[in-house]
Amino acid sequence: MKKHIAMMGIGIFVLTGCDKTARDVQNMREMVNGQVVEVEGSQDQYGYFPHLRLTFDENDKIQEVYFDYINSDAEKKSKDEEYNSNMQEKTGTDAEHAMIDLSEQLVNKQNLEDVEIIAGATQTSKEFIEMAAKAIENYKAGNTSHNNYGEGSEIIAAIQRGKGIVEENTSKYVNGGDGNS
């Protein structure tokens, strides 16, 4: 069922604007297998939407976590120098390092209850835990999502070229939740 849902979701979204990498191609292969779940939260007071993507392996273990906040211009909070500088000054940490730490904790511990709140990034930590819980729940229910890739995208084209199928690229990213650093 996961494979069926994955294949249906591929053609739903038309996407615009980021560079594609080998990592994206690998993520797309996993998405085709129905192993990726994405969750987006409510916009924060700075205009960013939290975006979390969990990639599961064939044994249902969390293989990769992508977590960042994306604004309507596809800019990432983790790369907002002014925001991170202010946060570092006020709390002793910054959003980029907090998001990386939370993501690594979940991959390493494989148990959301073992993920520790990051001092100075309490709200980010709580949002991460809440979103990861929702993503895990969705995955267990077979509800995978694919809002970063579209049919005909460069990523799908790369996979198809690898299979001897060539298709014209017409779709691109729309949001910044691409997992690229």
N, C-alpha and C. Protein backbone atom coordinates (compact mmCIF):
# COMPACT_ATOMS: atom_id res chain seq x y z
N MET A 1 0.81 -1.19 0.00
CA MET A 1 0.00 0.00 0.00
C MET A 1 0.86 1.26 0.00
N LYS A 2 1.98 1.23 0.74
CA LYS A 2 2.86 2.39 0.78
C LYS A 2 3.38 2.72 -0.62
N LYS A 3 3.73 1.68 -1.40
CA LYS A 3 4.23 1.93 -2.75
C LYS A 3 3.16 2.57 -3.60
N HIS A 4 1.92 2.13 -3.46
CA HIS A 4 0.82 2.68 -4.24
C HIS A 4 0.62 4.16 -3.89
N ILE A 5 0.63 4.48 -2.62
CA ILE A 5 0.45 5.86 -2.17
C ILE A 5 1.61 6.71 -2.67
N ALA A 6 2.82 6.17 -2.61
CA ALA A 6 4.00 6.91 -3.05
C ALA A 6 3.89 7.26 -4.52
N MET A 7 3.51 6.31 -5.35
CA MET A 7 3.42 6.56 -6.78
C MET A 7 2.32 7.57 -7.08
N MET A 8 1.22 7.52 -6.34
CA MET A 8 0.14 8.48 -6.56
C MET A 8 0.60 9.89 -6.18
N GLY A 9 1.37 10.01 -5.12
CA GLY A 9 1.78 11.32 -4.63
C GLY A 9 2.82 12.00 -5.49
N ILE A 10 3.55 11.26 -6.28
CA ILE A 10 4.63 11.85 -7.06
C ILE A 10 4.12 12.90 -8.03
N GLY A 11 3.02 12.66 -8.68
CA GLY A 11 2.53 13.57 -9.70
C GLY A 11 1.68 14.71 -9.18
N ILE A 12 1.46 14.82 -7.89
CA ILE A 12 0.52 15.79 -7.35
C ILE A 12 1.08 17.21 -7.32
N PHE A 13 2.34 17.37 -7.02
CA PHE A 13 2.85 18.71 -6.79
C PHE A 13 3.80 19.17 -7.88
N VAL A 14 3.66 20.42 -8.31
CA VAL A 14 4.58 21.05 -9.24
C VAL A 14 5.52 21.88 -8.40
N LEU A 15 6.81 21.71 -8.62
CA LEU A 15 7.78 22.28 -7.70
C LEU A 15 8.78 23.20 -8.39
N THR A 16 9.33 24.22 -7.68
CA THR A 16 10.23 25.18 -8.29
C THR A 16 11.49 25.45 -7.50
N GLY A 17 12.56 25.70 -8.06
CA GLY A 17 13.74 26.41 -7.75
C GLY A 17 14.94 26.03 -6.98
N CYS A 18 15.33 24.84 -6.55
CA CYS A 18 16.58 24.58 -5.84
C CYS A 18 17.47 23.65 -6.66
N ASP A 19 18.75 23.66 -6.33
CA ASP A 19 19.67 22.73 -6.99
C ASP A 19 19.39 21.32 -6.54
N LYS A 20 19.55 20.38 -7.45
CA LYS A 20 19.33 18.98 -7.12
C LYS A 20 20.67 18.31 -6.87
N THR A 21 20.69 17.33 -6.00
CA THR A 21 21.93 16.64 -5.66
C THR A 21 21.72 15.14 -5.72
N ALA A 22 22.81 14.42 -5.60
CA ALA A 22 22.72 12.96 -5.54
C ALA A 22 21.89 12.54 -4.33
N ARG A 23 21.98 13.31 -3.26
CA ARG A 23 21.18 13.02 -2.06
C ARG A 23 19.69 13.11 -2.39
N ASP A 24 19.30 14.10 -3.18
CA ASP A 24 17.90 14.23 -3.58
C ASP A 24 17.45 13.03 -4.39
N VAL A 25 18.32 12.56 -5.28
CA VAL A 25 17.98 11.39 -6.10
C VAL A 25 17.75 10.19 -5.19
N GLN A 26 18.63 10.00 -4.20
CA GLN A 26 18.46 8.90 -3.25
C GLN A 26 17.18 9.07 -2.46
N ASN A 27 16.90 10.29 -1.99
CA ASN A 27 15.66 10.53 -1.26
C ASN A 27 14.45 10.23 -2.13
N MET A 28 14.51 10.57 -3.40
CA MET A 28 13.38 10.31 -4.30
C MET A 28 13.18 8.81 -4.47
N ARG A 29 14.26 8.06 -4.59
CA ARG A 29 14.13 6.60 -4.70
C ARG A 29 13.42 6.06 -3.47
N GLU A 30 13.78 6.56 -2.31
CA GLU A 30 13.15 6.11 -1.08
C GLU A 30 11.68 6.54 -1.04
N MET A 31 11.39 7.73 -1.56
CA MET A 31 10.01 8.20 -1.57
C MET A 31 9.16 7.33 -2.48
N VAL A 32 9.73 6.91 -3.61
CA VAL A 32 9.00 6.05 -4.52
C VAL A 32 8.64 4.76 -3.80
N ASN A 33 9.48 4.34 -2.89
CA ASN A 33 9.20 3.14 -2.10
C ASN A 33 8.30 3.43 -0.91
N GLY A 34 7.79 4.66 -0.79
CA GLY A 34 6.86 5.00 0.29
C GLY A 34 7.49 5.06 1.65
N GLN A 35 8.72 5.52 1.73
CA GLN A 35 9.43 5.52 3.00
C GLN A 35 9.66 6.91 3.57
N VAL A 36 9.00 7.92 3.06
CA VAL A 36 9.22 9.28 3.52
C VAL A 36 7.89 9.89 3.96
N VAL A 37 7.94 10.57 5.09
CA VAL A 37 6.77 11.27 5.60
C VAL A 37 7.19 12.71 5.87
N GLU A 38 6.35 13.65 5.45
CA GLU A 38 6.62 15.06 5.68
C GLU A 38 5.48 15.69 6.45
N VAL A 39 5.85 16.62 7.33
CA VAL A 39 4.86 17.34 8.13
C VAL A 39 5.27 18.81 8.11
N GLU A 40 4.31 19.68 7.93
CA GLU A 40 4.57 21.11 8.00
C GLU A 40 3.66 21.70 9.07
N GLY A 41 4.23 22.59 9.89
CA GLY A 41 3.46 23.19 10.97
C GLY A 41 2.98 24.59 10.65
N SER A 42 2.45 25.25 11.65
CA SER A 42 1.93 26.60 11.51
C SER A 42 3.05 27.63 11.46
N GLN A 43 2.77 28.71 10.76
CA GLN A 43 3.74 29.79 10.62
C GLN A 43 4.06 30.41 11.98
N ASP A 44 5.35 30.68 12.21
CA ASP A 44 5.74 31.32 13.47
C ASP A 44 5.71 32.84 13.34
N GLN A 45 6.04 33.54 14.42
CA GLN A 45 5.97 35.00 14.44
C GLN A 45 6.99 35.65 13.52
N TYR A 46 7.96 34.90 13.02
CA TYR A 46 8.97 35.44 12.11
C TYR A 46 8.65 35.14 10.64
N GLY A 47 7.52 34.49 10.39
CA GLY A 47 7.10 34.21 9.02
C GLY A 47 7.60 32.87 8.48
N TYR A 48 8.12 32.01 9.33
CA TYR A 48 8.64 30.70 8.91
C TYR A 48 7.65 29.59 9.26
N PHE A 49 7.58 28.59 8.39
CA PHE A 49 6.78 27.40 8.63
C PHE A 49 7.73 26.25 8.98
N PRO A 50 7.52 25.56 10.10
CA PRO A 50 8.38 24.41 10.41
C PRO A 50 8.09 23.27 9.43
N HIS A 51 9.14 22.65 8.96
CA HIS A 51 9.02 21.56 7.99
C HIS A 51 9.90 20.40 8.46
N LEU A 52 9.31 19.23 8.58
CA LEU A 52 10.03 18.05 9.01
C LEU A 52 9.80 16.92 8.03
N ARG A 53 10.87 16.23 7.69
CA ARG A 53 10.77 15.07 6.80
C ARG A 53 11.56 13.92 7.44
N LEU A 54 10.89 12.79 7.61
CA LEU A 54 11.54 11.58 8.12
C LEU A 54 11.66 10.59 6.97
N THR A 55 12.82 9.99 6.82
CA THR A 55 13.04 8.95 5.84
C THR A 55 13.29 7.66 6.59
N PHE A 56 12.51 6.64 6.27
CA PHE A 56 12.61 5.35 6.93
C PHE A 56 13.30 4.35 6.01
N ASP A 57 14.06 3.41 6.60
CA ASP A 57 14.67 2.36 5.79
C ASP A 57 13.71 1.18 5.65
N GLU A 58 14.16 0.15 4.98
CA GLU A 58 13.29 -1.01 4.72
C GLU A 58 12.88 -1.75 5.99
N ASN A 59 13.57 -1.48 7.10
CA ASN A 59 13.22 -2.09 8.39
C ASN A 59 12.41 -1.15 9.28
N ASP A 60 11.88 -0.09 8.70
CA ASP A 60 11.07 0.91 9.39
C ASP A 60 11.84 1.69 10.45
N LYS A 61 13.16 1.77 10.29
CA LYS A 61 13.99 2.58 11.19
C LYS A 61 14.16 3.96 10.56
N ILE A 62 14.23 4.98 11.39
CA ILE A 62 14.44 6.34 10.88
C ILE A 62 15.88 6.43 10.40
N GLN A 63 16.01 6.66 9.12
CA GLN A 63 17.32 6.70 8.46
C GLN A 63 17.84 8.13 8.37
N GLU A 64 16.92 9.08 8.13
CA GLU A 64 17.33 10.47 7.95
C GLU A 64 16.22 11.38 8.45
N VAL A 65 16.62 12.50 9.04
CA VAL A 65 15.67 13.51 9.49
C VAL A 65 16.08 14.84 8.88
N TYR A 66 15.14 15.50 8.24
CA TYR A 66 15.35 16.87 7.77
C TYR A 66 14.38 17.74 8.56
N PHE A 67 14.89 18.79 9.20
CA PHE A 67 14.05 19.70 9.96
C PHE A 67 14.57 21.11 9.80
N ASP A 68 13.70 22.00 9.38
CA ASP A 68 14.04 23.41 9.25
C ASP A 68 12.74 24.20 9.19
N TYR A 69 12.87 25.49 9.20
CA TYR A 69 11.74 26.39 9.06
C TYR A 69 11.94 27.11 7.73
N ILE A 70 10.86 27.17 6.93
CA ILE A 70 10.93 27.73 5.59
C ILE A 70 9.95 28.89 5.50
N ASN A 71 10.39 30.03 4.91
CA ASN A 71 9.44 31.13 4.74
C ASN A 71 8.85 31.10 3.33
N SER A 72 7.98 32.05 3.03
CA SER A 72 7.29 32.05 1.73
C SER A 72 8.23 32.34 0.56
N ASP A 73 9.45 32.81 0.84
CA ASP A 73 10.45 33.03 -0.20
C ASP A 73 11.41 31.84 -0.32
N ALA A 74 11.06 30.72 0.29
CA ALA A 74 11.86 29.50 0.29
C ALA A 74 13.21 29.69 0.98
N GLU A 75 13.28 30.63 1.92
CA GLU A 75 14.49 30.83 2.70
C GLU A 75 14.38 30.03 3.99
N LYS A 76 15.51 29.51 4.44
CA LYS A 76 15.54 28.67 5.62
C LYS A 76 15.97 29.46 6.85
N LYS A 77 15.29 29.21 7.96
CA LYS A 77 15.65 29.86 9.21
C LYS A 77 17.07 29.46 9.62
N SER A 78 17.45 28.24 9.36
CA SER A 78 18.79 27.78 9.73
C SER A 78 19.89 28.57 9.02
N LYS A 79 19.56 29.22 7.92
CA LYS A 79 20.54 30.00 7.15
C LYS A 79 20.34 31.50 7.31
N ASP A 80 19.39 31.91 8.17
CA ASP A 80 19.13 33.33 8.42
C ASP A 80 20.16 33.82 9.44
N GLU A 81 21.21 34.48 8.94
CA GLU A 81 22.33 34.89 9.80
C GLU A 81 21.89 35.83 10.92
N GLU A 82 21.02 36.78 10.60
CA GLU A 82 20.57 37.73 11.62
C GLU A 82 19.78 37.02 12.72
N TYR A 83 18.85 36.16 12.32
CA TYR A 83 18.06 35.43 13.31
C TYR A 83 18.96 34.56 14.19
N ASN A 84 19.87 33.81 13.58
CA ASN A 84 20.75 32.92 14.33
C ASN A 84 21.70 33.69 15.24
N SER A 85 22.19 34.82 14.77
CA SER A 85 23.08 35.64 15.58
C SER A 85 22.34 36.17 16.82
N ASN A 86 21.12 36.67 16.61
CA ASN A 86 20.32 37.17 17.74
C ASN A 86 20.00 36.04 18.71
N MET A 87 19.64 34.89 18.19
CA MET A 87 19.31 33.75 19.05
C MET A 87 20.53 33.31 19.86
N GLN A 88 21.67 33.25 19.19
CA GLN A 88 22.92 32.85 19.85
C GLN A 88 23.24 33.82 20.99
N GLU A 89 23.07 35.10 20.72
CA GLU A 89 23.35 36.13 21.72
C GLU A 89 22.43 36.01 22.93
N LYS A 90 21.15 35.73 22.69
CA LYS A 90 20.16 35.68 23.76
C LYS A 90 20.13 34.35 24.51
N THR A 91 20.37 33.24 23.81
CA THR A 91 20.15 31.93 24.43
C THR A 91 21.40 31.05 24.52
N GLY A 92 22.44 31.41 23.80
CA GLY A 92 23.65 30.58 23.82
C GLY A 92 23.65 29.48 22.77
N THR A 93 22.62 29.42 21.95
CA THR A 93 22.57 28.46 20.85
C THR A 93 21.94 29.16 19.65
N ASP A 94 21.93 28.50 18.51
CA ASP A 94 21.25 29.06 17.35
C ASP A 94 20.35 28.00 16.74
N ALA A 95 19.45 28.44 15.90
CA ALA A 95 18.45 27.54 15.30
C ALA A 95 19.11 26.43 14.49
N GLU A 96 20.11 26.77 13.71
CA GLU A 96 20.75 25.75 12.85
C GLU A 96 21.31 24.60 13.67
N HIS A 97 22.07 24.91 14.70
CA HIS A 97 22.67 23.84 15.51
C HIS A 97 21.63 23.07 16.32
N ALA A 98 20.60 23.77 16.79
CA ALA A 98 19.52 23.09 17.53
C ALA A 98 18.81 22.09 16.62
N MET A 99 18.51 22.50 15.39
CA MET A 99 17.81 21.62 14.45
C MET A 99 18.66 20.40 14.08
N ILE A 100 19.94 20.62 13.90
CA ILE A 100 20.86 19.51 13.58
C ILE A 100 20.92 18.56 14.77
N ASP A 101 21.06 19.10 15.97
CA ASP A 101 21.15 18.28 17.18
C ASP A 101 19.88 17.43 17.36
N LEU A 102 18.72 18.04 17.23
CA LEU A 102 17.47 17.31 17.37
C LEU A 102 17.36 16.19 16.33
N SER A 103 17.70 16.50 15.10
CA SER A 103 17.64 15.51 14.03
C SER A 103 18.58 14.33 14.30
N GLU A 104 19.80 14.65 14.71
CA GLU A 104 20.77 13.59 15.02
C GLU A 104 20.33 12.74 16.20
N GLN A 105 19.76 13.37 17.21
CA GLN A 105 19.27 12.61 18.36
C GLN A 105 18.24 11.57 17.94
N LEU A 106 17.29 11.99 17.09
CA LEU A 106 16.24 11.06 16.68
C LEU A 106 16.80 9.91 15.86
N VAL A 107 17.71 10.20 14.95
CA VAL A 107 18.31 9.13 14.14
C VAL A 107 19.10 8.18 15.04
N ASN A 108 19.89 8.73 15.94
CA ASN A 108 20.74 7.90 16.80
C ASN A 108 19.96 7.10 17.84
N LYS A 109 18.91 7.69 18.41
CA LYS A 109 18.18 7.03 19.49
C LYS A 109 16.98 6.22 18.99
N GLN A 110 16.45 6.57 17.83
CA GLN A 110 15.31 5.87 17.24
C GLN A 110 14.08 5.86 18.13
N ASN A 111 14.06 6.71 19.14
CA ASN A 111 12.94 6.76 20.06
C ASN A 111 12.69 8.22 20.41
N LEU A 112 11.55 8.71 20.04
CA LEU A 112 11.22 10.12 20.26
C LEU A 112 11.24 10.50 21.73
N GLU A 113 10.88 9.57 22.60
CA GLU A 113 10.88 9.85 24.03
C GLU A 113 12.29 10.10 24.58
N ASP A 114 13.31 9.65 23.86
CA ASP A 114 14.69 9.84 24.29
C ASP A 114 15.32 11.12 23.75
N VAL A 115 14.60 11.86 22.92
CA VAL A 115 15.12 13.11 22.37
C VAL A 115 15.04 14.18 23.45
N GLU A 116 16.18 14.81 23.73
CA GLU A 116 16.27 15.80 24.79
C GLU A 116 16.02 17.20 24.26
N ILE A 117 15.35 18.01 25.07
CA ILE A 117 15.11 19.42 24.75
C ILE A 117 16.46 20.14 24.71
N ILE A 118 16.66 20.99 23.72
CA ILE A 118 17.90 21.75 23.58
C ILE A 118 17.76 23.03 24.40
N ALA A 119 18.67 23.23 25.35
CA ALA A 119 18.65 24.46 26.17
C ALA A 119 18.82 25.66 25.25
N GLY A 120 17.94 26.64 25.41
CA GLY A 120 17.97 27.83 24.57
C GLY A 120 17.15 27.71 23.31
N ALA A 121 16.66 26.51 23.04
CA ALA A 121 15.82 26.26 21.85
C ALA A 121 14.63 25.41 22.26
N THR A 122 14.01 25.78 23.36
CA THR A 122 12.91 25.00 23.91
C THR A 122 11.73 24.91 22.95
N GLN A 123 11.32 26.03 22.39
CA GLN A 123 10.18 26.04 21.47
C GLN A 123 10.48 25.20 20.23
N THR A 124 11.66 25.35 19.67
CA THR A 124 12.07 24.56 18.51
C THR A 124 12.06 23.08 18.86
N SER A 125 12.57 22.73 20.04
CA SER A 125 12.61 21.34 20.47
C SER A 125 11.22 20.75 20.61
N LYS A 126 10.33 21.50 21.24
CA LYS A 126 8.97 21.02 21.43
C LYS A 126 8.25 20.86 20.10
N GLU A 127 8.47 21.81 19.20
CA GLU A 127 7.84 21.72 17.88
C GLU A 127 8.38 20.51 17.11
N PHE A 128 9.68 20.29 17.19
CA PHE A 128 10.30 19.14 16.54
C PHE A 128 9.69 17.84 17.04
N ILE A 129 9.60 17.70 18.36
CA ILE A 129 9.07 16.48 18.96
C ILE A 129 7.61 16.26 18.55
N GLU A 130 6.81 17.32 18.59
CA GLU A 130 5.41 17.22 18.20
C GLU A 130 5.27 16.82 16.72
N MET A 131 6.06 17.44 15.87
CA MET A 131 5.97 17.14 14.43
C MET A 131 6.49 15.74 14.13
N ALA A 132 7.58 15.34 14.80
CA ALA A 132 8.12 13.99 14.58
C ALA A 132 7.12 12.94 15.02
N ALA A 133 6.43 13.19 16.13
CA ALA A 133 5.40 12.25 16.60
C ALA A 133 4.31 12.10 15.55
N LYS A 134 3.89 13.21 14.97
CA LYS A 134 2.85 13.19 13.93
C LYS A 134 3.36 12.45 12.69
N ALA A 135 4.60 12.70 12.30
CA ALA A 135 5.18 12.03 11.13
C ALA A 135 5.29 10.52 11.34
N ILE A 136 5.71 10.12 12.52
CA ILE A 136 5.80 8.69 12.84
C ILE A 136 4.42 8.04 12.82
N GLU A 137 3.45 8.73 13.38
CA GLU A 137 2.07 8.25 13.37
C GLU A 137 1.57 8.09 11.92
N ASN A 138 1.86 9.09 11.09
CA ASN A 138 1.46 9.02 9.68
C ASN A 138 2.13 7.85 8.96
N TYR A 139 3.41 7.65 9.24
CA TYR A 139 4.15 6.56 8.60
C TYR A 139 3.55 5.21 8.98
N LYS A 140 3.28 5.04 10.27
CA LYS A 140 2.71 3.77 10.73
C LYS A 140 1.33 3.51 10.11
N ALA A 141 0.62 4.59 9.77
CA ALA A 141 -0.70 4.46 9.15
C ALA A 141 -0.59 4.33 7.62
N GLY A 142 0.64 4.37 7.09
CA GLY A 142 0.83 4.25 5.65
C GLY A 142 0.63 5.54 4.88
N ASN A 143 0.60 6.66 5.60
CA ASN A 143 0.38 7.96 4.96
C ASN A 143 1.71 8.65 4.68
N THR A 144 2.29 8.36 3.54
CA THR A 144 3.53 9.01 3.15
C THR A 144 3.19 10.25 2.34
N SER A 145 4.13 11.18 2.22
CA SER A 145 3.87 12.41 1.48
C SER A 145 5.06 12.74 0.60
N HIS A 146 4.80 13.59 -0.36
CA HIS A 146 5.81 13.86 -1.38
C HIS A 146 5.79 15.31 -1.83
N ASN A 147 5.69 16.27 -0.92
CA ASN A 147 5.50 17.63 -1.38
C ASN A 147 6.77 18.35 -1.82
N ASN A 148 7.89 17.65 -1.91
CA ASN A 148 9.09 18.30 -2.42
C ASN A 148 9.48 17.84 -3.81
N TYR A 149 8.75 16.93 -4.37
CA TYR A 149 9.12 16.41 -5.67
C TYR A 149 7.90 16.29 -6.54
N GLY A 150 8.06 16.50 -7.83
CA GLY A 150 6.92 16.40 -8.74
C GLY A 150 7.25 15.55 -9.94
N GLU A 151 6.25 15.02 -10.57
CA GLU A 151 6.43 14.22 -11.77
C GLU A 151 7.15 15.07 -12.80
N GLY A 152 8.15 14.50 -13.43
CA GLY A 152 8.90 15.22 -14.44
C GLY A 152 10.02 16.06 -13.85
N SER A 153 10.22 16.02 -12.54
CA SER A 153 11.27 16.83 -11.93
C SER A 153 12.64 16.30 -12.33
N GLU A 154 13.64 17.11 -12.08
CA GLU A 154 15.02 16.70 -12.39
C GLU A 154 15.38 15.42 -11.65
N ILE A 155 14.86 15.26 -10.47
CA ILE A 155 15.17 14.09 -9.66
C ILE A 155 14.56 12.84 -10.29
N ILE A 156 13.29 12.92 -10.62
CA ILE A 156 12.64 11.78 -11.26
C ILE A 156 13.31 11.50 -12.60
N ALA A 157 13.64 12.56 -13.35
CA ALA A 157 14.31 12.38 -14.64
C ALA A 157 15.63 11.65 -14.45
N ALA A 158 16.38 12.00 -13.38
CA ALA A 158 17.66 11.33 -13.12
C ALA A 158 17.45 9.85 -12.82
N ILE A 159 16.42 9.55 -12.05
CA ILE A 159 16.11 8.15 -11.75
C ILE A 159 15.70 7.42 -13.02
N GLN A 160 14.87 8.07 -13.83
CA GLN A 160 14.43 7.44 -15.07
C GLN A 160 15.58 7.24 -16.04
N ARG A 161 16.50 8.21 -16.11
CA ARG A 161 17.68 8.04 -16.98
C ARG A 161 18.45 6.81 -16.53
N GLY A 162 18.54 6.61 -15.22
CA GLY A 162 19.23 5.44 -14.70
C GLY A 162 18.55 4.14 -15.09
N LYS A 163 17.25 4.21 -15.38
CA LYS A 163 16.49 3.03 -15.80
C LYS A 163 16.33 2.97 -17.31
N GLY A 164 16.99 3.93 -18.03
CA GLY A 164 16.87 3.95 -19.47
C GLY A 164 15.63 4.67 -19.97
N ILE A 165 14.94 5.39 -19.09
CA ILE A 165 13.75 6.14 -19.47
C ILE A 165 14.12 7.61 -19.39
N VAL A 166 13.94 8.38 -20.46
CA VAL A 166 14.27 9.80 -20.43
C VAL A 166 12.98 10.59 -20.61
N GLU A 167 12.79 11.58 -19.76
CA GLU A 167 11.58 12.41 -19.81
C GLU A 167 11.98 13.86 -19.67
N GLU A 168 11.28 14.76 -20.34
CA GLU A 168 11.57 16.18 -20.27
C GLU A 168 11.26 16.72 -18.88
N ASN A 169 12.15 17.59 -18.38
CA ASN A 169 11.97 18.19 -17.06
C ASN A 169 11.07 19.41 -17.16
N THR A 170 9.95 19.40 -16.44
CA THR A 170 9.04 20.53 -16.45
C THR A 170 8.71 21.04 -15.06
N SER A 171 9.04 20.32 -14.02
CA SER A 171 8.65 20.71 -12.66
C SER A 171 9.85 21.05 -11.81
N LYS A 172 9.63 21.90 -10.81
CA LYS A 172 10.70 22.31 -9.92
C LYS A 172 10.16 22.43 -8.51
N TYR A 173 11.06 22.78 -7.58
CA TYR A 173 10.67 22.95 -6.18
C TYR A 173 9.79 24.18 -5.99
N VAL A 174 8.89 24.13 -5.02
CA VAL A 174 8.12 25.29 -4.63
C VAL A 174 8.55 25.78 -3.25
N ASN A 175 8.85 24.89 -2.36
CA ASN A 175 9.25 25.34 -1.03
C ASN A 175 10.71 25.02 -0.79
N GLY A 176 11.23 25.46 0.33
CA GLY A 176 12.64 25.26 0.62
C GLY A 176 12.92 23.99 1.37
N GLY A 177 11.96 23.13 1.56
CA GLY A 177 12.15 21.92 2.34
C GLY A 177 12.82 20.84 1.56
N ASP A 178 13.98 21.16 1.00
CA ASP A 178 14.61 20.22 0.08
C ASP A 178 15.65 19.34 0.73
N GLY A 179 15.98 19.56 1.98
CA GLY A 179 16.96 18.73 2.66
C GLY A 179 18.39 19.07 2.34
N ASN A 180 18.61 20.01 1.44
CA ASN A 180 19.98 20.41 1.11
C ASN A 180 20.49 21.39 2.13
N SER A 181 21.77 21.26 2.48
CA SER A 181 22.32 22.24 3.41
C SER A 181 22.95 23.38 2.65
